[in-house]
Amino acid sequence: MSTEREPKKSLFERAADVFDLPADVLAGLPRLEIAGCRRLLMENHRGILEYSGEQIDINGGQVVVRVKGKGLDLRAMNANELSLDGLLFSIEFVF
């Protein structure tokens, strides 16, 4: 019999367990998927703040996701997801 107590889970962690979802999705945090150096997919965005062929700033709620590259192009976007193509040089998180 163990006397150690397990740490209490946060509301997001408990909800994630119940619905079998990652806690970051329930928290509304941005989720990024990068395919090589040519494509970025982002879920849970809140709009584009700046757009050019060399830099795209995306509102991620508590953080701005800054993508730098060459020939950047917004390929698709809806209320929750967006897709960028181009030569990706860097991805920064600006708080």
PDB file of N, CA and C in Angstrom:
ATOM      1  N   MET A   1       0.837  -1.169   0.000  1.00  0.00           N
ATOM      2  CA  MET A   1       0.000   0.000   0.000  1.00  0.00           C
ATOM      3  C   MET A   1       0.887   1.239   0.000  1.00  0.00           C
ATOM      4  N   SER A   2       0.639   2.149  -0.924  1.00  0.00           N
ATOM      5  CA  SER A   2       1.447   3.356  -1.057  1.00  0.00           C
ATOM      6  C   SER A   2       0.816   4.504  -0.270  1.00  0.00           C
ATOM      7  N   THR A   3       1.675   5.294   0.358  1.00  0.00           N
ATOM      8  CA  THR A   3       1.186   6.449   1.115  1.00  0.00           C
ATOM      9  C   THR A   3       1.292   7.727   0.301  1.00  0.00           C
ATOM     10  N   GLU A   4       1.902   7.654  -0.886  1.00  0.00           N
ATOM     11  CA  GLU A   4       2.030   8.846  -1.723  1.00  0.00           C
ATOM     12  C   GLU A   4       0.710   9.140  -2.407  1.00  0.00           C
ATOM     13  N   ARG A   5       0.387  10.407  -2.468  1.00  0.00           N
ATOM     14  CA  ARG A   5      -0.823  10.839  -3.163  1.00  0.00           C
ATOM     15  C   ARG A   5      -0.481  11.283  -4.571  1.00  0.00           C
ATOM     16  N   GLU A   6      -1.371  10.976  -5.494  1.00  0.00           N
ATOM     17  CA  GLU A   6      -1.195  11.458  -6.860  1.00  0.00           C
ATOM     18  C   GLU A   6      -1.573  12.932  -6.899  1.00  0.00           C
ATOM     19  N   PRO A   7      -0.825  13.746  -7.683  1.00  0.00           N
ATOM     20  CA  PRO A   7      -1.194  15.160  -7.781  1.00  0.00           C
ATOM     21  C   PRO A   7      -2.564  15.310  -8.419  1.00  0.00           C
ATOM     22  N   LYS A   8      -3.301  16.325  -7.969  1.00  0.00           N
ATOM     23  CA  LYS A   8      -4.626  16.569  -8.537  1.00  0.00           C
ATOM     24  C   LYS A   8      -4.485  17.062  -9.967  1.00  0.00           C
ATOM     25  N   LYS A   9      -5.393  16.601 -10.818  1.00  0.00           N
ATOM     26  CA  LYS A   9      -5.391  17.021 -12.215  1.00  0.00           C
ATOM     27  C   LYS A   9      -6.185  18.310 -12.360  1.00  0.00           C
ATOM     28  N   SER A  10      -5.743  19.136 -13.310  1.00  0.00           N
ATOM     29  CA  SER A  10      -6.460  20.369 -13.599  1.00  0.00           C
ATOM     30  C   SER A  10      -7.778  20.044 -14.300  1.00  0.00           C
ATOM     31  N   LEU A  11      -8.642  21.029 -14.384  1.00  0.00           N
ATOM     32  CA  LEU A  11      -9.918  20.862 -15.070  1.00  0.00           C
ATOM     33  C   LEU A  11      -9.706  20.437 -16.519  1.00  0.00           C
ATOM     34  N   PHE A  12      -8.715  21.053 -17.204  1.00  0.00           N
ATOM     35  CA  PHE A  12      -8.432  20.702 -18.594  1.00  0.00           C
ATOM     36  C   PHE A  12      -7.953  19.258 -18.706  1.00  0.00           C
ATOM     37  N   GLU A  13      -7.105  18.833 -17.780  1.00  0.00           N
ATOM     38  CA  GLU A  13      -6.605  17.460 -17.815  1.00  0.00           C
ATOM     39  C   GLU A  13      -7.726  16.447 -17.583  1.00  0.00           C
ATOM     40  N   ARG A  14      -8.610  16.746 -16.642  1.00  0.00           N
ATOM     41  CA  ARG A  14      -9.730  15.838 -16.385  1.00  0.00           C
ATOM     42  C   ARG A  14     -10.677  15.779 -17.580  1.00  0.00           C
ATOM     43  N   ALA A  15     -10.982  16.943 -18.163  1.00  0.00           N
ATOM     44  CA  ALA A  15     -11.857  16.973 -19.344  1.00  0.00           C
ATOM     45  C   ALA A  15     -11.199  16.243 -20.511  1.00  0.00           C
ATOM     46  N   ALA A  16      -9.898  16.412 -20.668  1.00  0.00           N
ATOM     47  CA  ALA A  16      -9.172  15.716 -21.733  1.00  0.00           C
ATOM     48  C   ALA A  16      -9.275  14.209 -21.551  1.00  0.00           C
ATOM     49  N   ASP A  17      -9.177  13.746 -20.310  1.00  0.00           N
ATOM     50  CA  ASP A  17      -9.317  12.309 -20.035  1.00  0.00           C
ATOM     51  C   ASP A  17     -10.710  11.821 -20.387  1.00  0.00           C
ATOM     52  N   VAL A  18     -11.725  12.578 -20.003  1.00  0.00           N
ATOM     53  CA  VAL A  18     -13.112  12.174 -20.238  1.00  0.00           C
ATOM     54  C   VAL A  18     -13.404  12.094 -21.739  1.00  0.00           C
ATOM     55  N   PHE A  19     -12.978  13.114 -22.481  1.00  0.00           N
ATOM     56  CA  PHE A  19     -13.286  13.175 -23.914  1.00  0.00           C
ATOM     57  C   PHE A  19     -12.191  12.585 -24.790  1.00  0.00           C
ATOM     58  N   ASP A  20     -11.139  12.058 -24.168  1.00  0.00           N
ATOM     59  CA  ASP A  20     -10.022  11.455 -24.889  1.00  0.00           C
ATOM     60  C   ASP A  20      -9.421  12.430 -25.905  1.00  0.00           C
ATOM     61  N   LEU A  21      -9.148  13.665 -25.433  1.00  0.00           N
ATOM     62  CA  LEU A  21      -8.557  14.711 -26.261  1.00  0.00           C
ATOM     63  C   LEU A  21      -7.300  15.240 -25.592  1.00  0.00           C
ATOM     64  N   PRO A  22      -6.359  15.771 -26.369  1.00  0.00           N
ATOM     65  CA  PRO A  22      -5.194  16.413 -25.759  1.00  0.00           C
ATOM     66  C   PRO A  22      -5.626  17.655 -24.969  1.00  0.00           C
ATOM     67  N   ALA A  23      -5.008  17.881 -23.815  1.00  0.00           N
ATOM     68  CA  ALA A  23      -5.374  19.012 -22.951  1.00  0.00           C
ATOM     69  C   ALA A  23      -5.161  20.352 -23.656  1.00  0.00           C
ATOM     70  N   ASP A  24      -4.141  20.460 -24.534  1.00  0.00           N
ATOM     71  CA  ASP A  24      -3.887  21.725 -25.223  1.00  0.00           C
ATOM     72  C   ASP A  24      -5.020  22.112 -26.146  1.00  0.00           C
ATOM     73  N   VAL A  25      -5.700  21.132 -26.733  1.00  0.00           N
ATOM     74  CA  VAL A  25      -6.841  21.418 -27.604  1.00  0.00           C
ATOM     75  C   VAL A  25      -7.975  22.028 -26.789  1.00  0.00           C
ATOM     76  N   LEU A  26      -8.256  21.447 -25.631  1.00  0.00           N
ATOM     77  CA  LEU A  26      -9.322  21.978 -24.782  1.00  0.00           C
ATOM     78  C   LEU A  26      -8.983  23.358 -24.241  1.00  0.00           C
ATOM     79  N   ALA A  27      -7.705  23.636 -24.033  1.00  0.00           N
ATOM     80  CA  ALA A  27      -7.279  24.927 -23.503  1.00  0.00           C
ATOM     81  C   ALA A  27      -7.288  26.009 -24.579  1.00  0.00           C
ATOM     82  N   GLY A  28      -7.477  25.634 -25.842  1.00  0.00           N
ATOM     83  CA  GLY A  28      -7.498  26.608 -26.927  1.00  0.00           C
ATOM     84  C   GLY A  28      -6.120  27.052 -27.369  1.00  0.00           C
ATOM     85  N   LEU A  29      -5.085  26.312 -27.006  1.00  0.00           N
ATOM     86  CA  LEU A  29      -3.732  26.668 -27.413  1.00  0.00           C
ATOM     87  C   LEU A  29      -3.527  26.336 -28.880  1.00  0.00           C
ATOM     88  N   PRO A  30      -2.680  27.114 -29.574  1.00  0.00           N
ATOM     89  CA  PRO A  30      -2.434  26.807 -30.976  1.00  0.00           C
ATOM     90  C   PRO A  30      -1.713  25.470 -31.121  1.00  0.00           C
ATOM     91  N   ARG A  31      -2.052  24.750 -32.176  1.00  0.00           N
ATOM     92  CA  ARG A  31      -1.398  23.481 -32.487  1.00  0.00           C
ATOM     93  C   ARG A  31      -0.765  23.630 -33.861  1.00  0.00           C
ATOM     94  N   LEU A  32       0.539  23.360 -33.938  1.00  0.00           N
ATOM     95  CA  LEU A  32       1.280  23.511 -35.183  1.00  0.00           C
ATOM     96  C   LEU A  32       1.732  22.161 -35.706  1.00  0.00           C
ATOM     97  N   GLU A  33       1.642  22.021 -37.009  1.00  0.00           N
ATOM     98  CA  GLU A  33       2.188  20.841 -37.680  1.00  0.00           C
ATOM     99  C   GLU A  33       3.052  21.355 -38.821  1.00  0.00           C
ATOM    100  N   ILE A  34       4.298  20.921 -38.847  1.00  0.00           N
ATOM    101  CA  ILE A  34       5.240  21.394 -39.858  1.00  0.00           C
ATOM    102  C   ILE A  34       5.638  20.219 -40.735  1.00  0.00           C
ATOM    103  N   ALA A  35       5.518  20.392 -42.033  1.00  0.00           N
ATOM    104  CA  ALA A  35       5.905  19.362 -42.989  1.00  0.00           C
ATOM    105  C   ALA A  35       7.183  19.819 -43.683  1.00  0.00           C
ATOM    106  N   GLY A  36       8.309  19.284 -43.224  1.00  0.00           N
ATOM    107  CA  GLY A  36       9.597  19.688 -43.784  1.00  0.00           C
ATOM    108  C   GLY A  36       9.823  21.169 -43.566  1.00  0.00           C
ATOM    109  N   CYS A  37      10.349  21.829 -44.570  1.00  0.00           N
ATOM    110  CA  CYS A  37      10.553  23.283 -44.490  1.00  0.00           C
ATOM    111  C   CYS A  37       9.666  23.998 -45.503  1.00  0.00           C
ATOM    112  N   ARG A  38       8.557  23.336 -45.909  1.00  0.00           N
ATOM    113  CA  ARG A  38       7.716  23.878 -46.970  1.00  0.00           C
ATOM    114  C   ARG A  38       6.264  24.129 -46.599  1.00  0.00           C
ATOM    115  N   ARG A  39       5.777  23.587 -45.488  1.00  0.00           N
ATOM    116  CA  ARG A  39       4.357  23.746 -45.168  1.00  0.00           C
ATOM    117  C   ARG A  39       4.155  23.810 -43.659  1.00  0.00           C
ATOM    118  N   LEU A  40       3.242  24.696 -43.247  1.00  0.00           N
ATOM    119  CA  LEU A  40       2.849  24.807 -41.847  1.00  0.00           C
ATOM    120  C   LEU A  40       1.330  24.767 -41.768  1.00  0.00           C
ATOM    121  N   LEU A  41       0.817  23.919 -40.901  1.00  0.00           N
ATOM    122  CA  LEU A  41      -0.615  23.856 -40.618  1.00  0.00           C
ATOM    123  C   LEU A  41      -0.796  24.306 -39.174  1.00  0.00           C
ATOM    124  N   MET A  42      -1.768  25.167 -38.933  1.00  0.00           N
ATOM    125  CA  MET A  42      -2.012  25.659 -37.574  1.00  0.00           C
ATOM    126  C   MET A  42      -3.490  25.559 -37.255  1.00  0.00           C
ATOM    127  N   GLU A  43      -3.781  24.993 -36.088  1.00  0.00           N
ATOM    128  CA  GLU A  43      -5.147  24.927 -35.569  1.00  0.00           C
ATOM    129  C   GLU A  43      -5.255  25.899 -34.405  1.00  0.00           C
ATOM    130  N   ASN A  44      -6.456  26.335 -34.122  1.00  0.00           N
ATOM    131  CA  ASN A  44      -6.768  27.234 -33.003  1.00  0.00           C
ATOM    132  C   ASN A  44      -6.135  28.615 -33.156  1.00  0.00           C
ATOM    133  N   HIS A  45      -6.106  29.135 -34.374  1.00  0.00           N
ATOM    134  CA  HIS A  45      -5.609  30.498 -34.588  1.00  0.00           C
ATOM    135  C   HIS A  45      -6.745  31.490 -34.342  1.00  0.00           C
ATOM    136  N   ARG A  46      -6.373  32.746 -34.211  1.00  0.00           N
ATOM    137  CA  ARG A  46      -7.371  33.805 -34.010  1.00  0.00           C
ATOM    138  C   ARG A  46      -7.180  34.931 -35.020  1.00  0.00           C
ATOM    139  N   GLY A  47      -6.643  34.576 -36.177  1.00  0.00           N
ATOM    140  CA  GLY A  47      -6.518  35.556 -37.250  1.00  0.00           C
ATOM    141  C   GLY A  47      -5.086  35.887 -37.609  1.00  0.00           C
ATOM    142  N   ILE A  48      -4.943  36.554 -38.744  1.00  0.00           N
ATOM    143  CA  ILE A  48      -3.651  36.999 -39.260  1.00  0.00           C
ATOM    144  C   ILE A  48      -3.432  38.442 -38.811  1.00  0.00           C
ATOM    145  N   LEU A  49      -2.267  38.714 -38.247  1.00  0.00           N
ATOM    146  CA  LEU A  49      -1.933  40.067 -37.802  1.00  0.00           C
ATOM    147  C   LEU A  49      -1.082  40.818 -38.821  1.00  0.00           C
ATOM    148  N   GLU A  50      -0.214  40.091 -39.511  1.00  0.00           N
ATOM    149  CA  GLU A  50       0.656  40.692 -40.524  1.00  0.00           C
ATOM    150  C   GLU A  50       0.908  39.652 -41.596  1.00  0.00           C
ATOM    151  N   TYR A  51       0.966  40.115 -42.855  1.00  0.00           N
ATOM    152  CA  TYR A  51       1.115  39.173 -43.954  1.00  0.00           C
ATOM    153  C   TYR A  51       1.993  39.761 -45.038  1.00  0.00           C
ATOM    154  N   SER A  52       3.072  39.058 -45.366  1.00  0.00           N
ATOM    155  CA  SER A  52       3.888  39.381 -46.532  1.00  0.00           C
ATOM    156  C   SER A  52       4.521  38.082 -47.011  1.00  0.00           C
ATOM    157  N   GLY A  53       5.223  38.143 -48.104  1.00  0.00           N
ATOM    158  CA  GLY A  53       5.891  36.959 -48.632  1.00  0.00           C
ATOM    159  C   GLY A  53       7.068  36.504 -47.793  1.00  0.00           C
ATOM    160  N   GLU A  54       7.524  37.387 -46.866  1.00  0.00           N
ATOM    161  CA  GLU A  54       8.677  37.067 -46.029  1.00  0.00           C
ATOM    162  C   GLU A  54       8.323  36.840 -44.563  1.00  0.00           C
ATOM    163  N   GLN A  55       7.144  37.324 -44.127  1.00  0.00           N
ATOM    164  CA  GLN A  55       6.771  37.156 -42.721  1.00  0.00           C
ATOM    165  C   GLN A  55       5.258  37.141 -42.569  1.00  0.00           C
ATOM    166  N   ILE A  56       4.773  36.192 -41.759  1.00  0.00           N
ATOM    167  CA  ILE A  56       3.356  36.119 -41.432  1.00  0.00           C
ATOM    168  C   ILE A  56       3.241  35.999 -39.923  1.00  0.00           C
ATOM    169  N   ASP A  57       2.518  36.935 -39.305  1.00  0.00           N
ATOM    170  CA  ASP A  57       2.253  36.897 -37.870  1.00  0.00           C
ATOM    171  C   ASP A  57       0.824  36.418 -37.664  1.00  0.00           C
ATOM    172  N   ILE A  58       0.689  35.351 -36.844  1.00  0.00           N
ATOM    173  CA  ILE A  58      -0.610  34.728 -36.610  1.00  0.00           C
ATOM    174  C   ILE A  58      -0.962  34.874 -35.137  1.00  0.00           C
ATOM    175  N   ASN A  59      -2.164  35.351 -34.857  1.00  0.00           N
ATOM    176  CA  ASN A  59      -2.634  35.481 -33.485  1.00  0.00           C
ATOM    177  C   ASN A  59      -2.968  34.089 -32.958  1.00  0.00           C
ATOM    178  N   GLY A  60      -2.263  33.689 -31.915  1.00  0.00           N
ATOM    179  CA  GLY A  60      -2.515  32.400 -31.293  1.00  0.00           C
ATOM    180  C   GLY A  60      -3.144  32.533 -29.922  1.00  0.00           C
ATOM    181  N   GLY A  61      -3.754  33.683 -29.651  1.00  0.00           N
ATOM    182  CA  GLY A  61      -4.360  33.905 -28.335  1.00  0.00           C
ATOM    183  C   GLY A  61      -3.361  34.544 -27.397  1.00  0.00           C
ATOM    184  N   GLN A  62      -2.698  33.737 -26.591  1.00  0.00           N
ATOM    185  CA  GLN A  62      -1.729  34.250 -25.631  1.00  0.00           C
ATOM    186  C   GLN A  62      -0.345  34.436 -26.245  1.00  0.00           C
ATOM    187  N   VAL A  63      -0.186  34.035 -27.495  1.00  0.00           N
ATOM    188  CA  VAL A  63       1.106  34.115 -28.168  1.00  0.00           C
ATOM    189  C   VAL A  63       0.888  34.460 -29.643  1.00  0.00           C
ATOM    190  N   VAL A  64       1.840  35.192 -30.202  1.00  0.00           N
ATOM    191  CA  VAL A  64       1.849  35.443 -31.645  1.00  0.00           C
ATOM    192  C   VAL A  64       2.842  34.468 -32.254  1.00  0.00           C
ATOM    193  N   VAL A  65       2.401  33.738 -33.267  1.00  0.00           N
ATOM    194  CA  VAL A  65       3.279  32.810 -33.982  1.00  0.00           C
ATOM    195  C   VAL A  65       3.785  33.557 -35.205  1.00  0.00           C
ATOM    196  N   ARG A  66       5.088  33.813 -35.233  1.00  0.00           N
ATOM    197  CA  ARG A  66       5.717  34.560 -36.329  1.00  0.00           C
ATOM    198  C   ARG A  66       6.462  33.576 -37.221  1.00  0.00           C
ATOM    199  N   VAL A  67       6.049  33.514 -38.476  1.00  0.00           N
ATOM    200  CA  VAL A  67       6.672  32.627 -39.451  1.00  0.00           C
ATOM    201  C   VAL A  67       7.474  33.494 -40.408  1.00  0.00           C
ATOM    202  N   LYS A  68       8.768  33.184 -40.552  1.00  0.00           N
ATOM    203  CA  LYS A  68       9.623  33.904 -41.493  1.00  0.00           C
ATOM    204  C   LYS A  68      10.086  32.942 -42.567  1.00  0.00           C
ATOM    205  N   GLY A  69      10.185  33.454 -43.795  1.00  0.00           N
ATOM    206  CA  GLY A  69      10.608  32.607 -44.891  1.00  0.00           C
ATOM    207  C   GLY A  69      10.665  33.352 -46.201  1.00  0.00           C
ATOM    208  N   LYS A  70      10.559  32.613 -47.265  1.00  0.00           N
ATOM    209  CA  LYS A  70      10.614  33.181 -48.613  1.00  0.00           C
ATOM    210  C   LYS A  70       9.447  32.607 -49.408  1.00  0.00           C
ATOM    211  N   GLY A  71       8.729  33.471 -50.100  1.00  0.00           N
ATOM    212  CA  GLY A  71       7.602  33.026 -50.910  1.00  0.00           C
ATOM    213  C   GLY A  71       6.455  32.472 -50.079  1.00  0.00           C
ATOM    214  N   LEU A  72       6.260  33.016 -48.884  1.00  0.00           N
ATOM    215  CA  LEU A  72       5.183  32.532 -48.016  1.00  0.00           C
ATOM    216  C   LEU A  72       3.827  32.853 -48.619  1.00  0.00           C
ATOM    217  N   ASP A  73       2.933  31.881 -48.557  1.00  0.00           N
ATOM    218  CA  ASP A  73       1.620  32.023 -49.172  1.00  0.00           C
ATOM    219  C   ASP A  73       0.578  31.355 -48.286  1.00  0.00           C
ATOM    220  N   LEU A  74      -0.466  32.096 -47.976  1.00  0.00           N
ATOM    221  CA  LEU A  74      -1.585  31.532 -47.217  1.00  0.00           C
ATOM    222  C   LEU A  74      -2.414  30.707 -48.189  1.00  0.00           C
ATOM    223  N   ARG A  75      -2.373  29.386 -48.048  1.00  0.00           N
ATOM    224  CA  ARG A  75      -3.043  28.492 -48.994  1.00  0.00           C
ATOM    225  C   ARG A  75      -4.509  28.276 -48.668  1.00  0.00           C
ATOM    226  N   ALA A  76      -4.818  28.179 -47.370  1.00  0.00           N
ATOM    227  CA  ALA A  76      -6.204  27.942 -46.956  1.00  0.00           C
ATOM    228  C   ALA A  76      -6.375  28.465 -45.537  1.00  0.00           C
ATOM    229  N   MET A  77      -7.605  28.926 -45.256  1.00  0.00           N
ATOM    230  CA  MET A  77      -7.877  29.430 -43.910  1.00  0.00           C
ATOM    231  C   MET A  77      -9.371  29.359 -43.661  1.00  0.00           C
ATOM    232  N   ASN A  78      -9.731  28.875 -42.483  1.00  0.00           N
ATOM    233  CA  ASN A  78     -11.112  28.960 -42.024  1.00  0.00           C
ATOM    234  C   ASN A  78     -11.088  29.467 -40.582  1.00  0.00           C
ATOM    235  N   ALA A  79     -12.185  29.392 -39.886  1.00  0.00           N
ATOM    236  CA  ALA A  79     -12.276  29.969 -38.544  1.00  0.00           C
ATOM    237  C   ALA A  79     -11.336  29.312 -37.545  1.00  0.00           C
ATOM    238  N   ASN A  80     -10.907  28.077 -37.800  1.00  0.00           N
ATOM    239  CA  ASN A  80     -10.089  27.359 -36.823  1.00  0.00           C
ATOM    240  C   ASN A  80      -8.705  26.966 -37.331  1.00  0.00           C
ATOM    241  N   GLU A  81      -8.540  26.761 -38.631  1.00  0.00           N
ATOM    242  CA  GLU A  81      -7.296  26.244 -39.185  1.00  0.00           C
ATOM    243  C   GLU A  81      -6.775  27.124 -40.308  1.00  0.00           C
ATOM    244  N   LEU A  82      -5.457  27.066 -40.492  1.00  0.00           N
ATOM    245  CA  LEU A  82      -4.858  27.719 -41.658  1.00  0.00           C
ATOM    246  C   LEU A  82      -3.678  26.900 -42.134  1.00  0.00           C
ATOM    247  N   SER A  83      -3.327  27.107 -43.399  1.00  0.00           N
ATOM    248  CA  SER A  83      -2.232  26.390 -44.024  1.00  0.00           C
ATOM    249  C   SER A  83      -1.364  27.381 -44.790  1.00  0.00           C
ATOM    250  N   LEU A  84      -0.042  27.321 -44.538  1.00  0.00           N
ATOM    251  CA  LEU A  84       0.924  28.177 -45.219  1.00  0.00           C
ATOM    252  C   LEU A  84       1.872  27.320 -46.026  1.00  0.00           C
ATOM    253  N   ASP A  85       2.253  27.802 -47.206  1.00  0.00           N
ATOM    254  CA  ASP A  85       3.286  27.172 -48.022  1.00  0.00           C
ATOM    255  C   ASP A  85       4.385  28.182 -48.261  1.00  0.00           C
ATOM    256  N   GLY A  86       5.551  27.698 -48.592  1.00  0.00           N
ATOM    257  CA  GLY A  86       6.701  28.533 -48.899  1.00  0.00           C
ATOM    258  C   GLY A  86       7.933  27.912 -48.275  1.00  0.00           C
ATOM    259  N   LEU A  87       9.059  28.590 -48.414  1.00  0.00           N
ATOM    260  CA  LEU A  87      10.297  28.124 -47.800  1.00  0.00           C
ATOM    261  C   LEU A  87      10.362  28.701 -46.388  1.00  0.00           C
ATOM    262  N   LEU A  88      10.191  27.854 -45.382  1.00  0.00           N
ATOM    263  CA  LEU A  88      10.162  28.299 -43.990  1.00  0.00           C
ATOM    264  C   LEU A  88      11.580  28.411 -43.442  1.00  0.00           C
ATOM    265  N   PHE A  89      11.925  29.597 -42.937  1.00  0.00           N
ATOM    266  CA  PHE A  89      13.236  29.812 -42.335  1.00  0.00           C
ATOM    267  C   PHE A  89      13.162  29.668 -40.806  1.00  0.00           C
ATOM    268  N   SER A  90      12.129  30.245 -40.206  1.00  0.00           N
ATOM    269  CA  SER A  90      12.022  30.186 -38.741  1.00  0.00           C
ATOM    270  C   SER A  90      10.579  30.359 -38.301  1.00  0.00           C
ATOM    271  N   ILE A  91      10.311  29.848 -37.112  1.00  0.00           N
ATOM    272  CA  ILE A  91       9.013  30.012 -36.447  1.00  0.00           C
ATOM    273  C   ILE A  91       9.305  30.497 -35.048  1.00  0.00           C
ATOM    274  N   GLU A  92       8.768  31.656 -34.700  1.00  0.00           N
ATOM    275  CA  GLU A  92       9.008  32.258 -33.388  1.00  0.00           C
ATOM    276  C   GLU A  92       7.708  32.382 -32.634  1.00  0.00           C
ATOM    277  N   PHE A  93       7.802  32.332 -31.310  1.00  0.00           N
ATOM    278  CA  PHE A  93       6.665  32.553 -30.444  1.00  0.00           C
ATOM    279  C   PHE A  93       6.921  33.853 -29.696  1.00  0.00           C
ATOM    280  N   VAL A  94       6.091  34.861 -29.953  1.00  0.00           N
ATOM    281  CA  VAL A  94       6.265  36.183 -29.364  1.00  0.00           C
ATOM    282  C   VAL A  94       5.209  36.376 -28.293  1.00  0.00           C
ATOM    283  N   PHE A  95       5.659  36.585 -27.073  1.00  0.00           N
ATOM    284  CA  PHE A  95       4.729  36.751 -25.937  1.00  0.00           C
ATOM    285  C   PHE A  95       4.546  38.211 -25.601  1.00  0.00           C
TER     286      PHE A  95
END
